[in-house]
Amino acid sequence: MRTAKEYAIRLSLDDASRLHALAELFPGQPLEVLITDLLGAGLDEIAAAMPYERGPKVISRDDQGDPVYEDIGLTPRFVELARKFKKTLAADKPHAADAKK
């Protein structure tokens, strides 16, 4: 599902050049699809790269019985904020063309 909100961006010359190079390497893929895929992959990488910060609370035990501590780093806050904004954005009415997708 797509959001009703559209995002207009201006790319650096280097990024735009690389985007057009990808589009030429993968003909038939519109620039918008490439941008969407690249943004999604980048956001996944950022989330995965957020460091774990051990908190004081034991939330479970691993297979060896060792304690697993809660993460008090950026990841839980990022996940919480993403859920919040997903609810907000999902409540917006999608464009008629996107509603069919």
N, C-alpha and C. Protein backbone atom coordinates (compact mmCIF):
# COMPACT_ATOMS: atom_id res chain seq x y z
N MET A 1 0.85 -1.17 0.00
CA MET A 1 0.00 0.00 0.00
C MET A 1 0.90 1.24 0.00
N ARG A 2 0.50 2.24 -0.69
CA ARG A 2 1.25 3.50 -0.77
C ARG A 2 0.55 4.58 0.03
N THR A 3 1.32 5.55 0.46
CA THR A 3 0.75 6.68 1.20
C THR A 3 0.05 7.65 0.25
N ALA A 4 -0.83 8.44 0.80
CA ALA A 4 -1.46 9.51 0.03
C ALA A 4 -0.47 10.65 -0.15
N LYS A 5 0.44 10.78 0.78
CA LYS A 5 1.44 11.85 0.73
C LYS A 5 2.51 11.54 -0.29
N GLU A 6 2.87 12.54 -1.09
CA GLU A 6 3.96 12.40 -2.04
C GLU A 6 5.15 13.19 -1.51
N TYR A 7 6.35 12.74 -1.85
CA TYR A 7 7.57 13.37 -1.40
C TYR A 7 8.37 13.83 -2.61
N ALA A 8 8.60 15.12 -2.71
CA ALA A 8 9.39 15.66 -3.82
C ALA A 8 10.80 15.92 -3.29
N ILE A 9 11.79 15.42 -4.01
CA ILE A 9 13.18 15.59 -3.57
C ILE A 9 14.04 16.07 -4.73
N ARG A 10 15.15 16.69 -4.39
CA ARG A 10 16.15 17.05 -5.38
C ARG A 10 17.40 16.27 -5.02
N LEU A 11 17.91 15.53 -5.98
CA LEU A 11 19.08 14.69 -5.76
C LEU A 11 20.36 15.45 -6.07
N SER A 12 21.44 15.01 -5.44
CA SER A 12 22.75 15.55 -5.82
C SER A 12 23.04 15.07 -7.24
N LEU A 13 23.92 15.74 -7.91
CA LEU A 13 24.28 15.37 -9.27
C LEU A 13 24.84 13.95 -9.32
N ASP A 14 25.67 13.59 -8.34
CA ASP A 14 26.22 12.23 -8.29
C ASP A 14 25.14 11.18 -8.10
N ASP A 15 24.21 11.43 -7.17
CA ASP A 15 23.14 10.46 -6.93
C ASP A 15 22.22 10.34 -8.14
N ALA A 16 21.88 11.46 -8.76
CA ALA A 16 21.02 11.42 -9.95
C ALA A 16 21.71 10.67 -11.08
N SER A 17 23.01 10.88 -11.24
CA SER A 17 23.76 10.16 -12.29
C SER A 17 23.74 8.67 -12.04
N ARG A 18 23.94 8.26 -10.80
CA ARG A 18 23.93 6.82 -10.48
C ARG A 18 22.54 6.23 -10.63
N LEU A 19 21.52 7.01 -10.29
CA LEU A 19 20.14 6.54 -10.46
C LEU A 19 19.83 6.31 -11.94
N HIS A 20 20.22 7.22 -12.79
CA HIS A 20 19.98 7.06 -14.22
C HIS A 20 20.81 5.91 -14.79
N ALA A 21 22.00 5.70 -14.24
CA ALA A 21 22.81 4.55 -14.67
C ALA A 21 22.11 3.25 -14.32
N LEU A 22 21.54 3.16 -13.12
CA LEU A 22 20.77 1.97 -12.75
C LEU A 22 19.57 1.78 -13.67
N ALA A 23 18.89 2.86 -13.98
CA ALA A 23 17.73 2.78 -14.87
C ALA A 23 18.12 2.26 -16.24
N GLU A 24 19.31 2.63 -16.70
CA GLU A 24 19.76 2.13 -18.00
C GLU A 24 20.18 0.66 -17.92
N LEU A 25 20.76 0.28 -16.77
CA LEU A 25 21.15 -1.13 -16.59
C LEU A 25 19.94 -2.05 -16.45
N PHE A 26 18.85 -1.50 -15.90
CA PHE A 26 17.62 -2.27 -15.69
C PHE A 26 16.47 -1.61 -16.43
N PRO A 27 16.46 -1.71 -17.75
CA PRO A 27 15.41 -1.04 -18.53
C PRO A 27 14.03 -1.59 -18.16
N GLY A 28 13.08 -0.73 -18.25
CA GLY A 28 11.71 -1.14 -17.92
C GLY A 28 11.34 -0.82 -16.48
N GLN A 29 12.32 -0.42 -15.68
CA GLN A 29 12.04 -0.03 -14.30
C GLN A 29 11.94 1.49 -14.24
N PRO A 30 10.78 2.04 -13.97
CA PRO A 30 10.67 3.49 -13.87
C PRO A 30 11.56 4.03 -12.74
N LEU A 31 12.01 5.25 -12.90
CA LEU A 31 12.85 5.88 -11.87
C LEU A 31 12.19 5.85 -10.50
N GLU A 32 10.87 6.07 -10.47
CA GLU A 32 10.16 6.09 -9.20
C GLU A 32 10.24 4.74 -8.48
N VAL A 33 10.18 3.66 -9.24
CA VAL A 33 10.29 2.32 -8.65
C VAL A 33 11.69 2.11 -8.10
N LEU A 34 12.69 2.50 -8.86
CA LEU A 34 14.07 2.38 -8.39
C LEU A 34 14.29 3.20 -7.12
N ILE A 35 13.79 4.43 -7.11
CA ILE A 35 13.94 5.28 -5.93
C ILE A 35 13.26 4.65 -4.72
N THR A 36 12.05 4.14 -4.91
CA THR A 36 11.31 3.51 -3.83
C THR A 36 12.06 2.30 -3.29
N ASP A 37 12.55 1.46 -4.19
CA ASP A 37 13.30 0.26 -3.77
C ASP A 37 14.59 0.63 -3.04
N LEU A 38 15.30 1.61 -3.57
CA LEU A 38 16.56 2.04 -2.95
C LEU A 38 16.31 2.66 -1.57
N LEU A 39 15.28 3.46 -1.45
CA LEU A 39 14.97 4.07 -0.17
C LEU A 39 14.60 3.00 0.86
N GLY A 40 13.78 2.04 0.45
CA GLY A 40 13.41 0.95 1.36
C GLY A 40 14.62 0.16 1.82
N ALA A 41 15.51 -0.16 0.89
CA ALA A 41 16.73 -0.90 1.24
C ALA A 41 17.62 -0.09 2.17
N GLY A 42 17.72 1.21 1.90
CA GLY A 42 18.53 2.07 2.75
C GLY A 42 17.97 2.18 4.17
N LEU A 43 16.67 2.30 4.28
CA LEU A 43 16.04 2.37 5.60
C LEU A 43 16.21 1.06 6.37
N ASP A 44 16.11 -0.07 5.66
CA ASP A 44 16.35 -1.37 6.30
C ASP A 44 17.78 -1.45 6.83
N GLU A 45 18.73 -0.98 6.04
CA GLU A 45 20.14 -1.02 6.45
C GLU A 45 20.40 -0.12 7.65
N ILE A 46 19.79 1.06 7.66
CA ILE A 46 19.96 1.96 8.79
C ILE A 46 19.41 1.32 10.06
N ALA A 47 18.22 0.73 9.96
CA ALA A 47 17.62 0.08 11.13
C ALA A 47 18.50 -1.07 11.62
N ALA A 48 19.04 -1.85 10.70
CA ALA A 48 19.88 -2.99 11.08
C ALA A 48 21.21 -2.53 11.68
N ALA A 49 21.68 -1.36 11.30
CA ALA A 49 22.98 -0.88 11.76
C ALA A 49 22.90 -0.15 13.11
N MET A 50 21.70 0.11 13.58
CA MET A 50 21.58 0.79 14.88
C MET A 50 22.15 -0.12 15.96
N PRO A 51 23.04 0.41 16.76
CA PRO A 51 23.69 -0.44 17.76
C PRO A 51 22.74 -0.85 18.89
N TYR A 52 22.94 -2.07 19.35
CA TYR A 52 22.21 -2.58 20.51
C TYR A 52 22.81 -1.94 21.74
N GLU A 53 21.97 -1.43 22.63
CA GLU A 53 22.43 -0.87 23.89
C GLU A 53 21.73 -1.63 25.01
N ARG A 54 22.50 -2.38 25.75
CA ARG A 54 21.96 -3.24 26.81
C ARG A 54 21.33 -2.42 27.92
N GLY A 55 20.10 -2.77 28.23
CA GLY A 55 19.40 -2.13 29.34
C GLY A 55 19.50 -2.98 30.59
N PRO A 56 18.94 -2.52 31.68
CA PRO A 56 19.03 -3.26 32.94
C PRO A 56 18.04 -4.42 33.08
N LYS A 57 17.01 -4.43 32.26
CA LYS A 57 15.92 -5.39 32.40
C LYS A 57 16.16 -6.64 31.55
N VAL A 58 16.03 -7.82 32.16
CA VAL A 58 16.11 -9.10 31.45
C VAL A 58 14.74 -9.35 30.84
N ILE A 59 14.71 -9.55 29.51
CA ILE A 59 13.41 -9.75 28.84
C ILE A 59 13.17 -11.20 28.44
N SER A 60 14.23 -12.00 28.42
CA SER A 60 14.07 -13.42 28.12
C SER A 60 15.39 -14.13 28.39
N ARG A 61 15.42 -15.40 28.02
CA ARG A 61 16.63 -16.22 28.15
C ARG A 61 16.93 -16.84 26.79
N ASP A 62 18.21 -16.96 26.46
CA ASP A 62 18.56 -17.58 25.18
C ASP A 62 18.56 -19.10 25.33
N ASP A 63 18.96 -19.80 24.27
CA ASP A 63 18.94 -21.27 24.27
C ASP A 63 19.82 -21.89 25.33
N GLN A 64 20.86 -21.17 25.75
CA GLN A 64 21.76 -21.67 26.77
C GLN A 64 21.34 -21.23 28.18
N GLY A 65 20.23 -20.52 28.27
CA GLY A 65 19.73 -20.06 29.57
C GLY A 65 20.32 -18.73 30.02
N ASP A 66 21.14 -18.12 29.17
CA ASP A 66 21.73 -16.84 29.52
C ASP A 66 20.70 -15.72 29.35
N PRO A 67 20.79 -14.68 30.18
CA PRO A 67 19.80 -13.60 30.09
C PRO A 67 19.95 -12.79 28.80
N VAL A 68 18.81 -12.36 28.27
CA VAL A 68 18.77 -11.44 27.14
C VAL A 68 18.19 -10.14 27.68
N TYR A 69 18.95 -9.08 27.55
CA TYR A 69 18.55 -7.79 28.11
C TYR A 69 17.82 -6.94 27.07
N GLU A 70 16.92 -6.10 27.57
CA GLU A 70 16.20 -5.19 26.68
C GLU A 70 17.18 -4.26 25.99
N ASP A 71 16.80 -3.83 24.80
CA ASP A 71 17.59 -2.87 24.04
C ASP A 71 17.08 -1.47 24.40
N ILE A 72 17.96 -0.64 24.94
CA ILE A 72 17.55 0.74 25.26
C ILE A 72 18.21 1.74 24.31
N GLY A 73 18.73 1.22 23.20
CA GLY A 73 19.35 2.08 22.19
C GLY A 73 18.29 2.72 21.30
N LEU A 74 18.71 3.10 20.13
CA LEU A 74 17.82 3.79 19.19
C LEU A 74 16.79 2.87 18.54
N THR A 75 17.10 1.58 18.40
CA THR A 75 16.22 0.67 17.67
C THR A 75 14.80 0.63 18.21
N PRO A 76 14.59 0.42 19.52
CA PRO A 76 13.19 0.37 19.99
C PRO A 76 12.44 1.68 19.75
N ARG A 77 13.12 2.79 19.89
CA ARG A 77 12.47 4.09 19.66
C ARG A 77 12.14 4.26 18.18
N PHE A 78 13.06 3.84 17.32
CA PHE A 78 12.83 3.91 15.88
C PHE A 78 11.62 3.07 15.49
N VAL A 79 11.55 1.85 16.00
CA VAL A 79 10.43 0.95 15.71
C VAL A 79 9.12 1.55 16.21
N GLU A 80 9.14 2.10 17.42
CA GLU A 80 7.94 2.72 17.99
C GLU A 80 7.47 3.91 17.15
N LEU A 81 8.41 4.76 16.76
CA LEU A 81 8.05 5.92 15.93
C LEU A 81 7.55 5.49 14.55
N ALA A 82 8.16 4.48 13.96
CA ALA A 82 7.72 3.99 12.66
C ALA A 82 6.29 3.46 12.74
N ARG A 83 5.96 2.74 13.80
CA ARG A 83 4.58 2.25 13.99
C ARG A 83 3.61 3.41 14.13
N LYS A 84 4.01 4.42 14.91
CA LYS A 84 3.15 5.58 15.12
C LYS A 84 2.87 6.28 13.78
N PHE A 85 3.93 6.52 13.02
CA PHE A 85 3.74 7.23 11.75
C PHE A 85 3.01 6.36 10.72
N LYS A 86 3.18 5.04 10.80
CA LYS A 86 2.45 4.16 9.88
C LYS A 86 0.95 4.29 10.11
N LYS A 87 0.54 4.32 11.38
CA LYS A 87 -0.88 4.49 11.69
C LYS A 87 -1.40 5.83 11.17
N THR A 88 -0.62 6.87 11.40
CA THR A 88 -1.02 8.21 10.96
C THR A 88 -1.13 8.27 9.44
N LEU A 89 -0.12 7.77 8.76
CA LEU A 89 -0.12 7.81 7.30
C LEU A 89 -1.18 6.90 6.70
N ALA A 90 -1.46 5.77 7.33
CA ALA A 90 -2.48 4.85 6.83
C ALA A 90 -3.88 5.46 6.96
N ALA A 91 -4.05 6.35 7.92
CA ALA A 91 -5.36 6.98 8.12
C ALA A 91 -5.68 8.00 7.03
N ASP A 92 -4.62 8.51 6.35
CA ASP A 92 -4.83 9.44 5.25
C ASP A 92 -5.47 8.70 4.07
N LYS A 93 -6.30 9.40 3.33
CA LYS A 93 -6.94 8.80 2.16
C LYS A 93 -5.93 8.68 1.03
N PRO A 94 -5.73 7.48 0.46
CA PRO A 94 -4.81 7.34 -0.69
C PRO A 94 -5.42 7.95 -1.94
N HIS A 95 -4.55 8.27 -2.89
CA HIS A 95 -5.02 8.74 -4.19
C HIS A 95 -5.80 7.63 -4.87
N ALA A 96 -6.74 7.98 -5.70
CA ALA A 96 -7.58 6.99 -6.38
C ALA A 96 -6.75 5.99 -7.16
N ALA A 97 -5.69 6.43 -7.84
CA ALA A 97 -4.85 5.51 -8.63
C ALA A 97 -4.11 4.54 -7.73
N ASP A 98 -3.65 5.01 -6.56
CA ASP A 98 -2.93 4.14 -5.64
C ASP A 98 -3.85 3.19 -4.88
N ALA A 99 -5.10 3.56 -4.73
CA ALA A 99 -6.05 2.71 -4.00
C ALA A 99 -6.26 1.38 -4.72
N LYS A 100 -6.08 1.38 -6.05
CA LYS A 100 -6.26 0.15 -6.83
C LYS A 100 -5.09 -0.80 -6.69
N LYS A 101 -3.94 -0.30 -6.25
CA LYS A 101 -2.71 -1.12 -6.18
C LYS A 101 -2.66 -1.95 -4.94
